Structures are given as C-alpha cells and as structure tokens.
C-alpha cells in the first residue's frame, strides 16, 4: 500500500520478528515523561506483507486535528487512509 516504504523481509508466521520490528518502530517515538513509546506494524497475514507501520506521535495530528496525540496503531491507519485517499472511517474497505 505504501509503495514508497521499504520494509524488512520477515518470515511468514514469525510473530517474534514482527514484534521486534514493532519495537524498532517504538524506538523512533520521541521520548516524554508522560507517555510510553509504542510501535505498531500492520500485516496482511495471507500475503505475509507489511501494509503500514507507525509509532507514538509519528504524525502531528490525529484525524480530529488534536495535536500530538497520535497512537502508534492510529498512525498505521492514518497512513492507509492517506494512501487510498479515503477517510480513516473507511479503511475497512481497502484492508484485506
């Protein structure tokens, strides 16, 4: 979906590998004393492909325009929506 992104090759069913990649994403999150650094990886299990990644505060605003409040998984969803030029509420229409 995000063709401009390069993701690592992780073996099918390697849940630990995907979790380690999510932890790598978490390390990109800006640290703060009032939050956890979280990473997320959205995977199409049937095709064993990464659809999107995200980390806490990666994107400046959530879909409602709230600054500095984006969660890791929400960043994945925002990117999917942006890739397909649809509102976040409709990502179910394009996800496997």
N, C-alpha and C. Protein backbone atom coordinates (compact mmCIF):
# COMPACT_ATOMS: atom_id res chain seq x y z
N UNK A 1 0.81 -1.19 0.00
CA UNK A 1 0.00 0.00 0.00
C UNK A 1 0.86 1.25 0.00
N UNK A 2 1.84 1.26 0.85
CA UNK A 2 2.73 2.41 0.85
C UNK A 2 3.96 2.02 0.03
N UNK A 3 3.87 2.18 -1.27
CA UNK A 3 4.90 1.68 -2.16
C UNK A 3 6.24 2.38 -2.00
N UNK A 4 6.24 3.56 -1.39
CA UNK A 4 7.49 4.27 -1.20
C UNK A 4 8.23 3.81 0.06
N UNK A 5 7.63 2.89 0.82
CA UNK A 5 8.25 2.40 2.04
C UNK A 5 8.98 1.11 1.77
N UNK A 6 10.08 0.93 2.44
CA UNK A 6 10.84 -0.30 2.35
C UNK A 6 10.78 -0.97 3.72
N UNK A 7 10.28 -2.19 3.73
CA UNK A 7 10.14 -2.92 4.99
C UNK A 7 11.06 -4.13 4.98
N UNK A 8 11.44 -4.60 6.16
CA UNK A 8 12.28 -5.80 6.21
C UNK A 8 11.49 -7.03 5.79
N UNK A 9 12.18 -8.03 5.33
CA UNK A 9 11.56 -9.31 4.99
C UNK A 9 11.51 -10.14 6.27
N UNK A 10 10.30 -10.50 6.68
CA UNK A 10 10.12 -11.30 7.89
C UNK A 10 9.38 -12.57 7.48
N UNK A 11 9.85 -13.70 7.94
CA UNK A 11 9.27 -15.00 7.56
C UNK A 11 7.81 -15.10 7.99
N UNK A 12 7.02 -15.76 7.16
CA UNK A 12 5.61 -15.98 7.49
C UNK A 12 5.48 -16.66 8.84
N UNK A 13 4.59 -16.15 9.66
CA UNK A 13 4.36 -16.73 10.97
C UNK A 13 5.38 -16.37 12.03
N UNK A 14 6.36 -15.55 11.68
CA UNK A 14 7.40 -15.15 12.64
C UNK A 14 6.89 -14.00 13.49
N UNK A 15 6.03 -14.32 14.43
CA UNK A 15 5.41 -13.29 15.27
C UNK A 15 6.47 -12.52 16.07
N UNK A 16 7.49 -13.22 16.51
CA UNK A 16 8.57 -12.56 17.25
C UNK A 16 9.28 -11.54 16.35
N UNK A 17 9.50 -11.90 15.10
CA UNK A 17 10.14 -10.98 14.16
C UNK A 17 9.32 -9.71 13.96
N UNK A 18 7.99 -9.89 13.83
CA UNK A 18 7.12 -8.72 13.67
C UNK A 18 7.10 -7.88 14.95
N UNK A 19 7.11 -8.55 16.10
CA UNK A 19 7.13 -7.81 17.37
C UNK A 19 8.44 -7.03 17.52
N UNK A 20 9.55 -7.64 17.11
CA UNK A 20 10.83 -6.93 17.17
C UNK A 20 10.83 -5.71 16.25
N UNK A 21 10.18 -5.85 15.08
CA UNK A 21 10.08 -4.71 14.17
C UNK A 21 9.20 -3.61 14.78
N UNK A 22 8.14 -4.01 15.47
CA UNK A 22 7.31 -3.02 16.16
C UNK A 22 8.11 -2.31 17.26
N UNK A 23 8.97 -3.04 17.93
CA UNK A 23 9.83 -2.41 18.95
C UNK A 23 10.82 -1.45 18.30
N UNK A 24 11.31 -1.80 17.11
CA UNK A 24 12.18 -0.87 16.37
C UNK A 24 11.42 0.42 16.06
N UNK A 25 10.16 0.28 15.68
CA UNK A 25 9.34 1.46 15.41
C UNK A 25 9.15 2.28 16.68
N UNK A 26 8.96 1.61 17.81
CA UNK A 26 8.78 2.31 19.09
C UNK A 26 9.99 3.15 19.44
N UNK A 27 11.16 2.69 19.07
CA UNK A 27 12.38 3.44 19.37
C UNK A 27 12.44 4.76 18.60
N UNK A 28 11.63 4.91 17.56
CA UNK A 28 11.58 6.15 16.79
C UNK A 28 10.69 7.20 17.45
N UNK A 29 9.88 6.77 18.39
CA UNK A 29 8.95 7.68 19.07
C UNK A 29 9.71 8.66 19.96
N UNK A 30 9.34 9.94 19.90
CA UNK A 30 10.03 10.90 20.76
C UNK A 30 9.72 10.62 22.24
N UNK A 31 10.74 10.53 23.07
CA UNK A 31 10.51 10.22 24.48
C UNK A 31 9.87 11.40 25.22
N UNK A 32 9.07 11.05 26.22
CA UNK A 32 8.46 12.06 27.09
C UNK A 32 8.12 11.37 28.41
N UNK A 33 8.14 12.12 29.48
CA UNK A 33 7.89 11.55 30.80
C UNK A 33 6.43 11.18 31.01
N UNK A 34 5.55 11.65 30.14
CA UNK A 34 4.11 11.42 30.34
C UNK A 34 3.51 10.40 29.38
N UNK A 35 4.34 9.64 28.66
CA UNK A 35 3.80 8.66 27.71
C UNK A 35 4.77 7.51 27.51
N UNK A 36 4.24 6.46 26.92
CA UNK A 36 5.05 5.32 26.54
C UNK A 36 5.43 5.45 25.07
N UNK A 37 6.58 4.93 24.71
CA UNK A 37 6.98 4.86 23.31
C UNK A 37 6.49 3.53 22.76
N UNK A 38 5.58 3.59 21.79
CA UNK A 38 4.92 2.40 21.26
C UNK A 38 5.12 2.35 19.75
N UNK A 39 5.30 1.15 19.22
CA UNK A 39 5.39 0.95 17.78
C UNK A 39 4.32 -0.02 17.33
N UNK A 40 3.94 0.07 16.06
CA UNK A 40 2.92 -0.83 15.51
C UNK A 40 3.30 -1.25 14.10
N UNK A 41 2.92 -2.46 13.74
CA UNK A 41 3.13 -2.99 12.39
C UNK A 41 1.82 -3.63 11.96
N UNK A 42 1.25 -3.15 10.86
CA UNK A 42 0.01 -3.70 10.31
C UNK A 42 0.39 -4.68 9.21
N UNK A 43 -0.01 -5.94 9.37
CA UNK A 43 0.43 -7.02 8.48
C UNK A 43 -0.75 -7.69 7.79
N UNK A 44 -0.60 -7.97 6.51
CA UNK A 44 -1.53 -8.83 5.78
C UNK A 44 -0.99 -10.24 5.95
N UNK A 45 -1.59 -11.01 6.85
CA UNK A 45 -1.08 -12.34 7.17
C UNK A 45 -1.18 -13.30 5.98
N UNK A 46 -2.21 -13.13 5.15
CA UNK A 46 -2.37 -14.03 4.00
C UNK A 46 -1.23 -13.88 2.99
N UNK A 47 -0.76 -12.66 2.82
CA UNK A 47 0.32 -12.39 1.87
C UNK A 47 1.67 -12.22 2.56
N UNK A 48 1.67 -12.29 3.90
CA UNK A 48 2.88 -12.05 4.68
C UNK A 48 3.57 -10.77 4.25
N UNK A 49 2.79 -9.69 4.20
CA UNK A 49 3.37 -8.40 3.82
C UNK A 49 2.97 -7.32 4.81
N UNK A 50 3.88 -6.41 5.03
CA UNK A 50 3.62 -5.28 5.91
C UNK A 50 2.87 -4.23 5.12
N UNK A 51 1.72 -3.83 5.65
CA UNK A 51 0.89 -2.82 5.00
C UNK A 51 1.24 -1.42 5.46
N UNK A 52 1.60 -1.29 6.73
CA UNK A 52 1.88 0.03 7.30
C UNK A 52 2.58 -0.13 8.63
N UNK A 53 3.28 0.91 9.04
CA UNK A 53 3.93 0.94 10.35
C UNK A 53 3.62 2.28 11.00
N UNK A 54 3.85 2.35 12.29
CA UNK A 54 3.65 3.62 12.98
C UNK A 54 4.28 3.59 14.36
N UNK A 55 4.41 4.77 14.93
CA UNK A 55 4.90 4.88 16.31
C UNK A 55 4.24 6.09 16.96
N UNK A 56 4.23 6.08 18.27
CA UNK A 56 3.59 7.16 19.04
C UNK A 56 4.11 8.52 18.60
N UNK A 57 3.18 9.41 18.33
CA UNK A 57 3.47 10.80 17.95
C UNK A 57 4.21 10.94 16.62
N UNK A 58 4.16 9.90 15.79
CA UNK A 58 4.81 10.00 14.48
C UNK A 58 4.17 11.09 13.64
N UNK A 59 2.85 11.14 13.67
CA UNK A 59 2.12 12.14 12.90
C UNK A 59 1.69 13.26 13.83
N UNK A 60 1.73 14.47 13.33
CA UNK A 60 1.49 15.65 14.17
C UNK A 60 0.09 15.72 14.75
N UNK A 61 -0.90 15.29 13.98
CA UNK A 61 -2.29 15.42 14.42
C UNK A 61 -3.07 14.15 14.11
N UNK A 62 -4.05 13.86 14.97
CA UNK A 62 -4.93 12.75 14.67
C UNK A 62 -6.01 13.21 13.70
N UNK A 63 -6.92 12.34 13.35
CA UNK A 63 -7.93 12.66 12.33
C UNK A 63 -8.87 13.77 12.77
N UNK A 64 -8.95 14.02 14.06
CA UNK A 64 -9.81 15.09 14.57
C UNK A 64 -9.06 16.41 14.71
N UNK A 65 -7.77 16.40 14.38
CA UNK A 65 -6.97 17.61 14.46
C UNK A 65 -6.34 17.86 15.81
N UNK A 66 -6.41 16.87 16.70
CA UNK A 66 -5.80 17.03 18.02
C UNK A 66 -4.28 16.91 17.90
N UNK A 67 -3.55 17.94 18.28
CA UNK A 67 -2.09 17.90 18.12
C UNK A 67 -1.41 16.96 19.12
N UNK A 68 -0.41 16.27 18.62
CA UNK A 68 0.46 15.49 19.49
C UNK A 68 -0.21 14.37 20.25
N UNK A 69 -1.23 13.76 19.68
CA UNK A 69 -1.92 12.71 20.42
C UNK A 69 -2.07 11.41 19.62
N UNK A 70 -1.29 11.24 18.57
CA UNK A 70 -1.45 10.05 17.74
C UNK A 70 -0.79 8.83 18.37
N UNK A 71 -1.54 7.75 18.43
CA UNK A 71 -1.03 6.48 18.92
C UNK A 71 -0.40 5.73 17.75
N UNK A 72 0.43 4.76 18.05
CA UNK A 72 1.16 4.02 17.02
C UNK A 72 0.22 3.36 16.02
N UNK A 73 -0.78 2.63 16.53
CA UNK A 73 -1.69 1.93 15.62
C UNK A 73 -2.53 2.92 14.82
N UNK A 74 -2.85 4.04 15.43
CA UNK A 74 -3.61 5.07 14.72
C UNK A 74 -2.79 5.64 13.56
N UNK A 75 -1.50 5.79 13.76
CA UNK A 75 -0.63 6.26 12.67
C UNK A 75 -0.66 5.28 11.50
N UNK A 76 -0.66 3.97 11.79
CA UNK A 76 -0.79 2.97 10.71
C UNK A 76 -2.06 3.21 9.92
N UNK A 77 -3.17 3.40 10.62
CA UNK A 77 -4.46 3.58 9.96
C UNK A 77 -4.53 4.88 9.18
N UNK A 78 -3.97 5.95 9.74
CA UNK A 78 -3.96 7.24 9.04
C UNK A 78 -3.20 7.10 7.72
N UNK A 79 -2.06 6.40 7.75
CA UNK A 79 -1.26 6.23 6.54
C UNK A 79 -2.01 5.41 5.48
N UNK A 80 -2.72 4.37 5.91
CA UNK A 80 -3.52 3.58 4.97
C UNK A 80 -4.58 4.48 4.33
N UNK A 81 -5.25 5.27 5.15
CA UNK A 81 -6.30 6.17 4.64
C UNK A 81 -5.70 7.17 3.66
N UNK A 82 -4.56 7.74 4.00
CA UNK A 82 -3.92 8.72 3.11
C UNK A 82 -3.49 8.07 1.80
N UNK A 83 -2.96 6.86 1.86
CA UNK A 83 -2.53 6.15 0.66
C UNK A 83 -3.68 5.95 -0.32
N UNK A 84 -4.86 5.69 0.24
CA UNK A 84 -6.03 5.41 -0.59
C UNK A 84 -6.96 6.63 -0.75
N UNK A 85 -6.53 7.75 -0.18
CA UNK A 85 -7.30 8.99 -0.28
C UNK A 85 -8.75 8.81 0.18
N UNK A 86 -8.88 8.19 1.35
CA UNK A 86 -10.19 7.98 1.94
C UNK A 86 -10.15 8.41 3.41
N UNK A 87 -11.31 8.65 4.03
CA UNK A 87 -11.32 8.95 5.47
C UNK A 87 -10.95 7.69 6.26
N UNK A 88 -10.38 7.90 7.42
CA UNK A 88 -9.99 6.77 8.26
C UNK A 88 -11.14 5.81 8.53
N UNK A 89 -12.34 6.34 8.63
CA UNK A 89 -13.50 5.51 8.94
C UNK A 89 -13.76 4.46 7.86
N UNK A 90 -13.18 4.62 6.68
CA UNK A 90 -13.44 3.71 5.56
C UNK A 90 -12.28 2.76 5.27
N UNK A 91 -11.27 2.69 6.12
CA UNK A 91 -10.12 1.84 5.79
C UNK A 91 -10.50 0.37 5.71
N UNK A 92 -11.56 -0.02 6.36
CA UNK A 92 -12.02 -1.41 6.28
C UNK A 92 -12.35 -1.83 4.86
N UNK A 93 -12.65 -0.85 4.03
CA UNK A 93 -12.99 -1.13 2.63
C UNK A 93 -11.75 -1.51 1.80
N UNK A 94 -10.57 -1.13 2.26
CA UNK A 94 -9.36 -1.38 1.48
C UNK A 94 -8.40 -2.38 2.17
N UNK A 95 -8.67 -2.69 3.41
CA UNK A 95 -7.83 -3.66 4.11
C UNK A 95 -8.25 -5.08 3.75
N UNK A 96 -7.29 -6.01 3.74
CA UNK A 96 -7.63 -7.40 3.41
C UNK A 96 -8.55 -8.01 4.46
